[in-house]
């Protein structure tokens, strides 16, 4: 696999833009009532201009109004702030 010579010299602003591209893609999917279920680096396609697109929709599921309430699961936080006095 060929890697660009400056592939490791990604600026924080570029990484932030890439993260925003992913977040916007997920928001779009959710607006279409779709849950990707496998957002990972291996499923993010990076273009020459370093824009990111989400790929691999094999685990995507449509969430209808009827099953939306049962789909999401929330768990309690495992750590409390008093456990980390230096934060």
PDB file of N, CA and C in Angstrom:
ATOM      1  N   UNK A   1       0.847  -1.175   0.000  1.00  0.00           N
ATOM      2  CA  UNK A   1       0.000   0.000   0.000  1.00  0.00           C
ATOM      3  C   UNK A   1       0.890   1.236   0.000  1.00  0.00           C
ATOM      4  N   UNK A   2       0.636   2.123  -0.930  1.00  0.00           N
ATOM      5  CA  UNK A   2       1.394   3.368  -0.995  1.00  0.00           C
ATOM      6  C   UNK A   2       0.800   4.389  -0.045  1.00  0.00           C
ATOM      7  N   UNK A   3       1.659   5.064   0.670  1.00  0.00           N
ATOM      8  CA  UNK A   3       1.230   6.088   1.613  1.00  0.00           C
ATOM      9  C   UNK A   3       1.851   7.404   1.187  1.00  0.00           C
ATOM     10  N   UNK A   4       1.053   8.448   1.226  1.00  0.00           N
ATOM     11  CA  UNK A   4       1.585   9.770   0.897  1.00  0.00           C
ATOM     12  C   UNK A   4       2.738  10.099   1.839  1.00  0.00           C
ATOM     13  N   UNK A   5       3.765  10.810   1.334  1.00  0.00           N
ATOM     14  CA  UNK A   5       4.888  11.169   2.212  1.00  0.00           C
ATOM     15  C   UNK A   5       4.457  11.993   3.414  1.00  0.00           C
ATOM     16  N   UNK A   6       3.438  12.821   3.244  1.00  0.00           N
ATOM     17  CA  UNK A   6       3.003  13.667   4.362  1.00  0.00           C
ATOM     18  C   UNK A   6       1.762  13.108   5.054  1.00  0.00           C
ATOM     19  N   UNK A   7       1.506  11.811   4.888  1.00  0.00           N
ATOM     20  CA  UNK A   7       0.292  11.220   5.453  1.00  0.00           C
ATOM     21  C   UNK A   7       0.235  11.348   6.969  1.00  0.00           C
ATOM     22  N   UNK A   8       1.373  11.371   7.624  1.00  0.00           N
ATOM     23  CA  UNK A   8       1.375  11.469   9.078  1.00  0.00           C
ATOM     24  C   UNK A   8       1.371  12.911   9.554  1.00  0.00           C
ATOM     25  N   UNK A   9       1.497  13.849   8.643  1.00  0.00           N
ATOM     26  CA  UNK A   9       1.518  15.264   9.004  1.00  0.00           C
ATOM     27  C   UNK A   9       0.135  15.891   8.826  1.00  0.00           C
ATOM     28  N   UNK A  10      -0.849  15.317   9.479  1.00  0.00           N
ATOM     29  CA  UNK A  10      -2.211  15.834   9.380  1.00  0.00           C
ATOM     30  C   UNK A  10      -2.417  16.844  10.501  1.00  0.00           C
ATOM     31  N   UNK A  11      -2.805  18.030  10.126  1.00  0.00           N
ATOM     32  CA  UNK A  11      -2.981  19.100  11.109  1.00  0.00           C
ATOM     33  C   UNK A  11      -4.250  18.861  11.935  1.00  0.00           C
ATOM     34  N   UNK A  12      -4.285  19.363  13.154  1.00  0.00           N
ATOM     35  CA  UNK A  12      -5.483  19.219  13.987  1.00  0.00           C
ATOM     36  C   UNK A  12      -6.739  19.784  13.319  1.00  0.00           C
ATOM     37  N   UNK A  13      -6.605  20.867  12.582  1.00  0.00           N
ATOM     38  CA  UNK A  13      -7.784  21.426  11.907  1.00  0.00           C
ATOM     39  C   UNK A  13      -8.298  20.478  10.830  1.00  0.00           C
ATOM     40  N   UNK A  14      -7.388  19.775  10.171  1.00  0.00           N
ATOM     41  CA  UNK A  14      -7.805  18.796   9.160  1.00  0.00           C
ATOM     42  C   UNK A  14      -8.508  17.621   9.822  1.00  0.00           C
ATOM     43  N   UNK A  15      -7.968  17.141  10.935  1.00  0.00           N
ATOM     44  CA  UNK A  15      -8.614  16.042  11.666  1.00  0.00           C
ATOM     45  C   UNK A  15      -9.995  16.451  12.160  1.00  0.00           C
ATOM     46  N   UNK A  16     -10.113  17.687  12.617  1.00  0.00           N
ATOM     47  CA  UNK A  16     -11.411  18.180  13.077  1.00  0.00           C
ATOM     48  C   UNK A  16     -12.398  18.214  11.925  1.00  0.00           C
ATOM     49  N   UNK A  17     -11.957  18.684  10.759  1.00  0.00           N
ATOM     50  CA  UNK A  17     -12.825  18.723   9.578  1.00  0.00           C
ATOM     51  C   UNK A  17     -13.252  17.313   9.187  1.00  0.00           C
ATOM     52  N   UNK A  18     -12.327  16.360   9.280  1.00  0.00           N
ATOM     53  CA  UNK A  18     -12.644  14.972   8.951  1.00  0.00           C
ATOM     54  C   UNK A  18     -13.678  14.408   9.928  1.00  0.00           C
ATOM     55  N   UNK A  19     -13.518  14.721  11.205  1.00  0.00           N
ATOM     56  CA  UNK A  19     -14.489  14.273  12.208  1.00  0.00           C
ATOM     57  C   UNK A  19     -15.857  14.895  11.949  1.00  0.00           C
ATOM     58  N   UNK A  20     -15.864  16.160  11.540  1.00  0.00           N
ATOM     59  CA  UNK A  20     -17.136  16.815  11.210  1.00  0.00           C
ATOM     60  C   UNK A  20     -17.785  16.184   9.986  1.00  0.00           C
ATOM     61  N   UNK A  21     -16.997  15.796   9.001  1.00  0.00           N
ATOM     62  CA  UNK A  21     -17.546  15.098   7.833  1.00  0.00           C
ATOM     63  C   UNK A  21     -18.263  13.823   8.258  1.00  0.00           C
ATOM     64  N   UNK A  22     -17.643  13.076   9.161  1.00  0.00           N
ATOM     65  CA  UNK A  22     -18.245  11.834   9.647  1.00  0.00           C
ATOM     66  C   UNK A  22     -19.523  12.137  10.422  1.00  0.00           C
ATOM     67  N   UNK A  23     -19.463  13.131  11.305  1.00  0.00           N
ATOM     68  CA  UNK A  23     -20.645  13.493  12.098  1.00  0.00           C
ATOM     69  C   UNK A  23     -21.789  13.950  11.199  1.00  0.00           C
ATOM     70  N   UNK A  24     -21.474  14.728  10.169  1.00  0.00           N
ATOM     71  CA  UNK A  24     -22.515  15.179   9.241  1.00  0.00           C
ATOM     72  C   UNK A  24     -23.103  14.000   8.471  1.00  0.00           C
ATOM     73  N   UNK A  25     -22.261  13.033   8.119  1.00  0.00           N
ATOM     74  CA  UNK A  25     -22.757  11.836   7.440  1.00  0.00           C
ATOM     75  C   UNK A  25     -23.684  11.027   8.322  1.00  0.00           C
ATOM     76  N   UNK A  26     -23.312  10.869   9.588  1.00  0.00           N
ATOM     77  CA  UNK A  26     -24.163  10.139  10.535  1.00  0.00           C
ATOM     78  C   UNK A  26     -25.473  10.890  10.752  1.00  0.00           C
ATOM     79  N   UNK A  27     -25.403  12.207  10.873  1.00  0.00           N
ATOM     80  CA  UNK A  27     -26.622  13.007  11.047  1.00  0.00           C
ATOM     81  C   UNK A  27     -27.543  12.847   9.844  1.00  0.00           C
ATOM     82  N   UNK A  28     -26.959  12.822   8.647  1.00  0.00           N
ATOM     83  CA  UNK A  28     -27.781  12.635   7.452  1.00  0.00           C
ATOM     84  C   UNK A  28     -28.456  11.263   7.477  1.00  0.00           C
ATOM     85  N   UNK A  29     -27.693  10.224   7.804  1.00  0.00           N
ATOM     86  CA  UNK A  29     -28.282   8.886   7.877  1.00  0.00           C
ATOM     87  C   UNK A  29     -29.423   8.841   8.876  1.00  0.00           C
ATOM     88  N   UNK A  30     -29.228   9.459  10.034  1.00  0.00           N
ATOM     89  CA  UNK A  30     -30.279   9.474  11.055  1.00  0.00           C
ATOM     90  C   UNK A  30     -31.497  10.247  10.571  1.00  0.00           C
ATOM     91  N   UNK A  31     -31.282  11.306   9.793  1.00  0.00           N
ATOM     92  CA  UNK A  31     -32.422  12.063   9.257  1.00  0.00           C
ATOM     93  C   UNK A  31     -33.220  11.221   8.265  1.00  0.00           C
ATOM     94  N   UNK A  32     -32.576  10.201   7.699  1.00  0.00           N
ATOM     95  CA  UNK A  32     -33.244   9.283   6.775  1.00  0.00           C
ATOM     96  C   UNK A  32     -33.746   8.028   7.502  1.00  0.00           C
ATOM     97  N   UNK A  33     -33.708   8.060   8.841  1.00  0.00           N
ATOM     98  CA  UNK A  33     -34.156   6.957   9.699  1.00  0.00           C
ATOM     99  C   UNK A  33     -33.314   5.696   9.500  1.00  0.00           C
ATOM    100  N   UNK A  34     -32.012   5.898   9.319  1.00  0.00           N
ATOM    101  CA  UNK A  34     -31.083   4.786   9.160  1.00  0.00           C
ATOM    102  C   UNK A  34     -30.037   4.826  10.268  1.00  0.00           C
ATOM    103  N   UNK A  35     -29.684   3.645  10.777  1.00  0.00           N
ATOM    104  CA  UNK A  35     -28.622   3.505  11.767  1.00  0.00           C
ATOM    105  C   UNK A  35     -27.523   2.674  11.109  1.00  0.00           C
ATOM    106  N   UNK A  36     -26.319   3.219  11.022  1.00  0.00           N
ATOM    107  CA  UNK A  36     -25.219   2.545  10.320  1.00  0.00           C
ATOM    108  C   UNK A  36     -24.757   1.305  11.074  1.00  0.00           C
ATOM    109  N   UNK A  37     -24.567   1.387  12.349  1.00  0.00           N
ATOM    110  CA  UNK A  37     -24.198   0.307  13.259  1.00  0.00           C
ATOM    111  C   UNK A  37     -22.767  -0.196  13.124  1.00  0.00           C
ATOM    112  N   UNK A  38     -21.935   0.432  12.291  1.00  0.00           N
ATOM    113  CA  UNK A  38     -20.534   0.007  12.195  1.00  0.00           C
ATOM    114  C   UNK A  38     -19.650   1.177  11.765  1.00  0.00           C
ATOM    115  N   UNK A  39     -19.808   2.315  12.445  1.00  0.00           N
ATOM    116  CA  UNK A  39     -18.945   3.453  12.147  1.00  0.00           C
ATOM    117  C   UNK A  39     -17.567   3.143  12.735  1.00  0.00           C
ATOM    118  N   UNK A  40     -16.597   3.006  11.872  1.00  0.00           N
ATOM    119  CA  UNK A  40     -15.221   2.704  12.280  1.00  0.00           C
ATOM    120  C   UNK A  40     -14.292   3.263  11.212  1.00  0.00           C
ATOM    121  N   UNK A  41     -13.038   3.430  11.558  1.00  0.00           N
ATOM    122  CA  UNK A  41     -12.061   3.950  10.585  1.00  0.00           C
ATOM    123  C   UNK A  41     -12.053   3.123   9.310  1.00  0.00           C
ATOM    124  N   UNK A  42     -12.187   1.824   9.439  1.00  0.00           N
ATOM    125  CA  UNK A  42     -12.140   0.957   8.258  1.00  0.00           C
ATOM    126  C   UNK A  42     -13.300   1.218   7.306  1.00  0.00           C
ATOM    127  N   UNK A  43     -14.355   1.876   7.776  1.00  0.00           N
ATOM    128  CA  UNK A  43     -15.522   2.167   6.946  1.00  0.00           C
ATOM    129  C   UNK A  43     -15.614   3.634   6.554  1.00  0.00           C
ATOM    130  N   UNK A  44     -14.555   4.373   6.763  1.00  0.00           N
ATOM    131  CA  UNK A  44     -14.513   5.785   6.373  1.00  0.00           C
ATOM    132  C   UNK A  44     -13.560   5.931   5.195  1.00  0.00           C
ATOM    133  N   UNK A  45     -14.084   6.444   4.098  1.00  0.00           N
ATOM    134  CA  UNK A  45     -13.311   6.594   2.871  1.00  0.00           C
ATOM    135  C   UNK A  45     -12.794   8.019   2.791  1.00  0.00           C
ATOM    136  N   UNK A  46     -11.487   8.167   2.642  1.00  0.00           N
ATOM    137  CA  UNK A  46     -10.858   9.489   2.615  1.00  0.00           C
ATOM    138  C   UNK A  46     -10.460   9.807   1.178  1.00  0.00           C
ATOM    139  N   UNK A  47     -10.955  10.943   0.684  1.00  0.00           N
ATOM    140  CA  UNK A  47     -10.649  11.370  -0.671  1.00  0.00           C
ATOM    141  C   UNK A  47      -9.329  12.108  -0.745  1.00  0.00           C
ATOM    142  N   UNK A  48      -8.888  12.441  -1.974  1.00  0.00           N
ATOM    143  CA  UNK A  48      -7.613  13.135  -2.150  1.00  0.00           C
ATOM    144  C   UNK A  48      -7.568  14.488  -1.451  1.00  0.00           C
ATOM    145  N   UNK A  49      -8.730  15.125  -1.316  1.00  0.00           N
ATOM    146  CA  UNK A  49      -8.778  16.416  -0.620  1.00  0.00           C
ATOM    147  C   UNK A  49      -9.077  16.240   0.867  1.00  0.00           C
ATOM    148  N   UNK A  50      -8.972  14.988   1.326  1.00  0.00           N
ATOM    149  CA  UNK A  50      -9.175  14.604   2.727  1.00  0.00           C
ATOM    150  C   UNK A  50     -10.602  14.808   3.218  1.00  0.00           C
ATOM    151  N   UNK A  51     -11.561  14.786   2.317  1.00  0.00           N
ATOM    152  CA  UNK A  51     -12.954  14.721   2.745  1.00  0.00           C
ATOM    153  C   UNK A  51     -13.248  13.261   3.067  1.00  0.00           C
ATOM    154  N   UNK A  52     -14.137  13.040   4.018  1.00  0.00           N
ATOM    155  CA  UNK A  52     -14.434  11.684   4.468  1.00  0.00           C
ATOM    156  C   UNK A  52     -15.876  11.349   4.127  1.00  0.00           C
ATOM    157  N   UNK A  53     -16.058  10.159   3.590  1.00  0.00           N
ATOM    158  CA  UNK A  53     -17.391   9.639   3.302  1.00  0.00           C
ATOM    159  C   UNK A  53     -17.528   8.302   4.011  1.00  0.00           C
ATOM    160  N   UNK A  54     -18.730   8.027   4.477  1.00  0.00           N
ATOM    161  CA  UNK A  54     -19.001   6.778   5.181  1.00  0.00           C
ATOM    162  C   UNK A  54     -19.321   5.698   4.156  1.00  0.00           C
ATOM    163  N   UNK A  55     -18.764   4.516   4.366  1.00  0.00           N
ATOM    164  CA  UNK A  55     -19.024   3.394   3.477  1.00  0.00           C
ATOM    165  C   UNK A  55     -19.448   2.163   4.250  1.00  0.00           C
ATOM    166  N   UNK A  56     -19.603   1.054   3.554  1.00  0.00           N
ATOM    167  CA  UNK A  56     -19.974  -0.252   4.103  1.00  0.00           C
ATOM    168  C   UNK A  56     -21.279  -0.184   4.885  1.00  0.00           C
ATOM    169  N   UNK A  57     -22.355  -0.263   4.158  1.00  0.00           N
ATOM    170  CA  UNK A  57     -23.677  -0.167   4.760  1.00  0.00           C
ATOM    171  C   UNK A  57     -24.295  -1.538   5.023  1.00  0.00           C
ATOM    172  N   UNK A  58     -23.455  -2.558   5.125  1.00  0.00           N
ATOM    173  CA  UNK A  58     -23.946  -3.918   5.314  1.00  0.00           C
ATOM    174  C   UNK A  58     -24.718  -4.137   6.598  1.00  0.00           C
ATOM    175  N   UNK A  59     -24.398  -3.411   7.652  1.00  0.00           N
ATOM    176  CA  UNK A  59     -25.102  -3.576   8.932  1.00  0.00           C
ATOM    177  C   UNK A  59     -26.147  -2.492   9.171  1.00  0.00           C
ATOM    178  N   UNK A  60     -26.367  -1.640   8.187  1.00  0.00           N
ATOM    179  CA  UNK A  60     -27.311  -0.533   8.345  1.00  0.00           C
ATOM    180  C   UNK A  60     -28.715  -1.070   8.566  1.00  0.00           C
ATOM    181  N   UNK A  61     -29.430  -0.402   9.435  1.00  0.00           N
ATOM    182  CA  UNK A  61     -30.799  -0.811   9.753  1.00  0.00           C
ATOM    183  C   UNK A  61     -31.707   0.404   9.695  1.00  0.00           C
ATOM    184  N   UNK A  62     -32.884   0.207   9.124  1.00  0.00           N
ATOM    185  CA  UNK A  62     -33.878   1.270   9.117  1.00  0.00           C
ATOM    186  C   UNK A  62     -34.613   1.244  10.452  1.00  0.00           C
ATOM    187  N   UNK A  63     -34.747   2.401  11.053  1.00  0.00           N
ATOM    188  CA  UNK A  63     -35.446   2.507  12.329  1.00  0.00           C
ATOM    189  C   UNK A  63     -36.737   3.267  12.081  1.00  0.00           C
ATOM    190  N   UNK A  64     -37.836   2.581  12.289  1.00  0.00           N
ATOM    191  CA  UNK A  64     -39.137   3.217  12.106  1.00  0.00           C
ATOM    192  C   UNK A  64     -39.591   3.838  13.410  1.00  0.00           C
ATOM    193  N   UNK A  65     -40.635   4.617  13.328  1.00  0.00           N
ATOM    194  CA  UNK A  65     -41.159   5.277  14.524  1.00  0.00           C
ATOM    195  C   UNK A  65     -41.574   4.251  15.575  1.00  0.00           C
ATOM    196  N   UNK A  66     -42.078   3.110  15.146  1.00  0.00           N
ATOM    197  CA  UNK A  66     -42.555   2.090  16.083  1.00  0.00           C
ATOM    198  C   UNK A  66     -41.435   1.444  16.892  1.00  0.00           C
ATOM    199  N   UNK A  67     -40.276   1.233  16.275  1.00  0.00           N
ATOM    200  CA  UNK A  67     -39.219   0.544  17.023  1.00  0.00           C
ATOM    201  C   UNK A  67     -38.107   1.474  17.495  1.00  0.00           C
ATOM    202  N   UNK A  68     -38.244   2.774  17.288  1.00  0.00           N
ATOM    203  CA  UNK A  68     -37.197   3.715  17.700  1.00  0.00           C
ATOM    204  C   UNK A  68     -37.004   3.723  19.210  1.00  0.00           C
ATOM    205  N   UNK A  69     -38.080   3.616  19.972  1.00  0.00           N
ATOM    206  CA  UNK A  69     -37.958   3.664  21.435  1.00  0.00           C
ATOM    207  C   UNK A  69     -37.204   2.469  21.978  1.00  0.00           C
ATOM    208  N   UNK A  70     -37.378   1.306  21.404  1.00  0.00           N
ATOM    209  CA  UNK A  70     -36.712   0.111  21.894  1.00  0.00           C
ATOM    210  C   UNK A  70     -35.324  -0.096  21.338  1.00  0.00           C
ATOM    211  N   UNK A  71     -34.938   0.688  20.344  1.00  0.00           N
ATOM    212  CA  UNK A  71     -33.639   0.464  19.707  1.00  0.00           C
ATOM    213  C   UNK A  71     -32.484   1.006  20.527  1.00  0.00           C
ATOM    214  N   UNK A  72     -32.640   2.192  21.074  1.00  0.00           N
ATOM    215  CA  UNK A  72     -31.546   2.828  21.804  1.00  0.00           C
ATOM    216  C   UNK A  72     -31.475   2.299  23.222  1.00  0.00           C
ATOM    217  N   UNK A  73     -30.249   2.053  23.681  1.00  0.00           N
ATOM    218  CA  UNK A  73     -30.042   1.601  25.056  1.00  0.00           C
ATOM    219  C   UNK A  73     -29.122   2.581  25.751  1.00  0.00           C
ATOM    220  N   UNK A  74     -29.469   2.918  26.959  1.00  0.00           N
ATOM    221  CA  UNK A  74     -28.648   3.829  27.738  1.00  0.00           C
ATOM    222  C   UNK A  74     -28.174   3.099  28.980  1.00  0.00           C
ATOM    223  N   UNK A  75     -26.903   3.278  29.299  1.00  0.00           N
ATOM    224  CA  UNK A  75     -26.357   2.669  30.505  1.00  0.00           C
ATOM    225  C   UNK A  75     -25.894   3.773  31.433  1.00  0.00           C
ATOM    226  N   UNK A  76     -25.788   3.445  32.690  1.00  0.00           N
ATOM    227  CA  UNK A  76     -25.338   4.456  33.642  1.00  0.00           C
ATOM    228  C   UNK A  76     -23.839   4.651  33.472  1.00  0.00           C
ATOM    229  N   UNK A  77     -23.360   5.796  33.857  1.00  0.00           N
ATOM    230  CA  UNK A  77     -21.928   6.069  33.770  1.00  0.00           C
ATOM    231  C   UNK A  77     -21.176   5.168  34.738  1.00  0.00           C
ATOM    232  N   UNK A  78     -20.069   4.625  34.284  1.00  0.00           N
ATOM    233  CA  UNK A  78     -19.286   3.743  35.134  1.00  0.00           C
ATOM    234  C   UNK A  78     -18.351   4.504  36.053  1.00  0.00           C
ATOM    235  N   UNK A  79     -18.014   5.731  35.683  1.00  0.00           N
ATOM    236  CA  UNK A  79     -17.103   6.522  36.498  1.00  0.00           C
ATOM    237  C   UNK A  79     -17.805   7.780  36.969  1.00  0.00           C
ATOM    238  N   UNK A  80     -17.502   8.154  38.181  1.00  0.00           N
ATOM    239  CA  UNK A  80     -18.019   9.405  38.701  1.00  0.00           C
ATOM    240  C   UNK A  80     -16.843  10.355  38.842  1.00  0.00           C
ATOM    241  N   UNK A  81     -17.124  11.647  38.732  1.00  0.00           N
ATOM    242  CA  UNK A  81     -16.044  12.625  38.754  1.00  0.00           C
ATOM    243  C   UNK A  81     -15.246  12.591  40.053  1.00  0.00           C
ATOM    244  N   UNK A  82     -15.872  12.236  41.166  1.00  0.00           N
ATOM    245  CA  UNK A  82     -15.118  12.213  42.416  1.00  0.00           C
ATOM    246  C   UNK A  82     -14.076  11.085  42.436  1.00  0.00           C
ATOM    247  N   UNK A  83     -14.154  10.150  41.494  1.00  0.00           N
ATOM    248  CA  UNK A  83     -13.144   9.106  41.388  1.00  0.00           C
ATOM    249  C   UNK A  83     -11.871   9.625  40.730  1.00  0.00           C
ATOM    250  N   UNK A  84     -11.958  10.796  40.083  1.00  0.00           N
ATOM    251  CA  UNK A  84     -10.819  11.394  39.396  1.00  0.00           C
ATOM    252  C   UNK A  84     -10.587  12.792  39.952  1.00  0.00           C
ATOM    253  N   UNK A  85      -9.908  12.904  41.083  1.00  0.00           N
ATOM    254  CA  UNK A  85      -9.760  14.214  41.731  1.00  0.00           C
ATOM    255  C   UNK A  85      -8.941  15.219  40.924  1.00  0.00           C
ATOM    256  N   UNK A  86      -8.117  14.766  39.980  1.00  0.00           N
ATOM    257  CA  UNK A  86      -7.271  15.694  39.225  1.00  0.00           C
ATOM    258  C   UNK A  86      -7.949  16.275  37.994  1.00  0.00           C
ATOM    259  N   UNK A  87      -9.188  15.920  37.721  1.00  0.00           N
ATOM    260  CA  UNK A  87      -9.873  16.455  36.537  1.00  0.00           C
ATOM    261  C   UNK A  87     -10.483  17.795  36.808  1.00  0.00           C
TER     262      UNK A  87
END
